[in-house]
Amino acid sequence: MAKKKALNFTPTQKRELIEWNSQKISVSRQCELLMLSKGALYYDPVKMDQYSVSIMEFIDRQYIKTEVHPYKTH
């Protein structure tokens, strides 16, 4: 029985290997061979606007500054 070998490629690198117009092998089969899910194939990250990034950074700074006091349970 053949063993599957893990490819040491990132999902982005695997997406670049897909031949969209191949007459010999379907996109689905290429994904299967590359061990890339169809969801990962079509994933398009959403860019965050600067306001959202600023808010997240503010929350991170506040979280780091805030002391957390453990509580006792009985």
C-alpha atoms as a PDB file:
ATOM      1  CA  MET A   1       0.000   0.000   0.000  1.00  0.00           C
ATOM      2  CA  ALA A   2       1.378   3.421  -0.958  1.00  0.00           C
ATOM      3  CA  LYS A   3       1.969   5.995   1.748  1.00  0.00           C
ATOM      4  CA  LYS A   4       0.991   9.618   1.338  1.00  0.00           C
ATOM      5  CA  LYS A   5       3.881  12.028   1.595  1.00  0.00           C
ATOM      6  CA  ALA A   6       3.218  15.407   3.117  1.00  0.00           C
ATOM      7  CA  LEU A   7       4.206  18.248   0.835  1.00  0.00           C
ATOM      8  CA  ASN A   8       6.235  20.940   2.504  1.00  0.00           C
ATOM      9  CA  PHE A   9       4.415  23.710   0.686  1.00  0.00           C
ATOM     10  CA  THR A  10       2.218  26.425   2.107  1.00  0.00           C
ATOM     11  CA  PRO A  11      -1.380  26.609   0.870  1.00  0.00           C
ATOM     12  CA  THR A  12      -0.380  29.657  -1.191  1.00  0.00           C
ATOM     13  CA  GLN A  13       2.410  27.707  -2.871  1.00  0.00           C
ATOM     14  CA  LYS A  14       0.040  24.799  -3.534  1.00  0.00           C
ATOM     15  CA  ARG A  15      -2.512  27.178  -5.124  1.00  0.00           C
ATOM     16  CA  GLU A  16       0.207  28.399  -7.481  1.00  0.00           C
ATOM     17  CA  LEU A  17       0.775  24.813  -8.669  1.00  0.00           C
ATOM     18  CA  ILE A  18      -2.825  24.376  -9.858  1.00  0.00           C
ATOM     19  CA  GLU A  19      -3.156  24.228 -13.634  1.00  0.00           C
ATOM     20  CA  TRP A  20      -6.593  25.742 -14.196  1.00  0.00           C
ATOM     21  CA  ASN A  21      -6.836  24.897 -17.896  1.00  0.00           C
ATOM     22  CA  SER A  22      -5.444  21.369 -17.747  1.00  0.00           C
ATOM     23  CA  GLN A  23      -7.141  18.948 -20.134  1.00  0.00           C
ATOM     24  CA  LYS A  24      -5.523  15.941 -18.441  1.00  0.00           C
ATOM     25  CA  ILE A  25      -6.440  16.378 -14.782  1.00  0.00           C
ATOM     26  CA  SER A  26      -9.303  18.186 -13.095  1.00  0.00           C
ATOM     27  CA  VAL A  27      -8.814  20.958 -10.567  1.00  0.00           C
ATOM     28  CA  SER A  28     -10.473  18.745  -7.942  1.00  0.00           C
ATOM     29  CA  ARG A  29      -8.001  15.937  -8.587  1.00  0.00           C
ATOM     30  CA  GLN A  30      -5.064  18.362  -8.480  1.00  0.00           C
ATOM     31  CA  CYS A  31      -6.287  19.589  -5.086  1.00  0.00           C
ATOM     32  CA  GLU A  32      -6.554  16.021  -3.862  1.00  0.00           C
ATOM     33  CA  LEU A  33      -3.014  15.211  -5.016  1.00  0.00           C
ATOM     34  CA  LEU A  34      -1.642  18.386  -3.427  1.00  0.00           C
ATOM     35  CA  MET A  35      -3.613  17.723  -0.221  1.00  0.00           C
ATOM     36  CA  LEU A  36      -5.255  21.119  -0.616  1.00  0.00           C
ATOM     37  CA  SER A  37      -8.911  21.556   0.268  1.00  0.00           C
ATOM     38  CA  LYS A  38     -11.182  23.238  -2.247  1.00  0.00           C
ATOM     39  CA  GLY A  39     -11.941  25.865   0.411  1.00  0.00           C
ATOM     40  CA  ALA A  40      -8.234  26.655   0.714  1.00  0.00           C
ATOM     41  CA  LEU A  41      -7.991  26.832  -3.071  1.00  0.00           C
ATOM     42  CA  TYR A  42     -10.606  29.571  -3.327  1.00  0.00           C
ATOM     43  CA  TYR A  43      -9.713  31.356  -0.055  1.00  0.00           C
ATOM     44  CA  ASP A  44      -9.261  35.094  -0.516  1.00  0.00           C
ATOM     45  CA  PRO A  45      -8.134  36.901   2.652  1.00  0.00           C
ATOM     46  CA  VAL A  46      -9.993  40.085   3.507  1.00  0.00           C
ATOM     47  CA  LYS A  47      -7.892  43.197   3.966  1.00  0.00           C
ATOM     48  CA  MET A  48      -8.598  45.081   7.178  1.00  0.00           C
ATOM     49  CA  ASP A  49      -9.032  48.827   7.151  1.00  0.00           C
ATOM     50  CA  GLN A  50      -6.667  50.956   9.241  1.00  0.00           C
ATOM     51  CA  TYR A  51      -9.396  51.898  11.742  1.00  0.00           C
ATOM     52  CA  SER A  52     -10.053  48.236  12.599  1.00  0.00           C
ATOM     53  CA  VAL A  53      -6.335  47.543  12.932  1.00  0.00           C
ATOM     54  CA  SER A  54      -5.984  50.539  15.279  1.00  0.00           C
ATOM     55  CA  ILE A  55      -8.866  49.326  17.462  1.00  0.00           C
ATOM     56  CA  MET A  56      -7.396  45.823  17.662  1.00  0.00           C
ATOM     57  CA  GLU A  57      -3.976  47.209  18.610  1.00  0.00           C
ATOM     58  CA  PHE A  58      -5.593  49.367  21.311  1.00  0.00           C
ATOM     59  CA  ILE A  59      -7.428  46.352  22.742  1.00  0.00           C
ATOM     60  CA  ASP A  60      -4.187  44.336  22.711  1.00  0.00           C
ATOM     61  CA  ARG A  61      -2.335  47.079  24.604  1.00  0.00           C
ATOM     62  CA  GLN A  62      -5.134  47.355  27.178  1.00  0.00           C
ATOM     63  CA  TYR A  63      -5.235  43.588  27.652  1.00  0.00           C
ATOM     64  CA  ILE A  64      -1.479  43.464  28.260  1.00  0.00           C
ATOM     65  CA  LYS A  65      -1.648  46.358  30.757  1.00  0.00           C
ATOM     66  CA  THR A  66      -4.564  44.913  32.743  1.00  0.00           C
ATOM     67  CA  GLU A  67      -3.620  42.752  35.696  1.00  0.00           C
ATOM     68  CA  VAL A  68      -5.665  39.635  36.075  1.00  0.00           C
ATOM     69  CA  HIS A  69      -6.312  38.577  39.671  1.00  0.00           C
ATOM     70  CA  PRO A  70      -6.995  34.893  40.152  1.00  0.00           C
ATOM     71  CA  TYR A  71      -9.993  34.066  42.273  1.00  0.00           C
ATOM     72  CA  LYS A  72     -10.479  31.280  44.780  1.00  0.00           C
ATOM     73  CA  THR A  73     -13.077  28.607  44.354  1.00  0.00           C
ATOM     74  CA  HIS A  74     -14.419  26.581  47.251  1.00  0.00           C
END
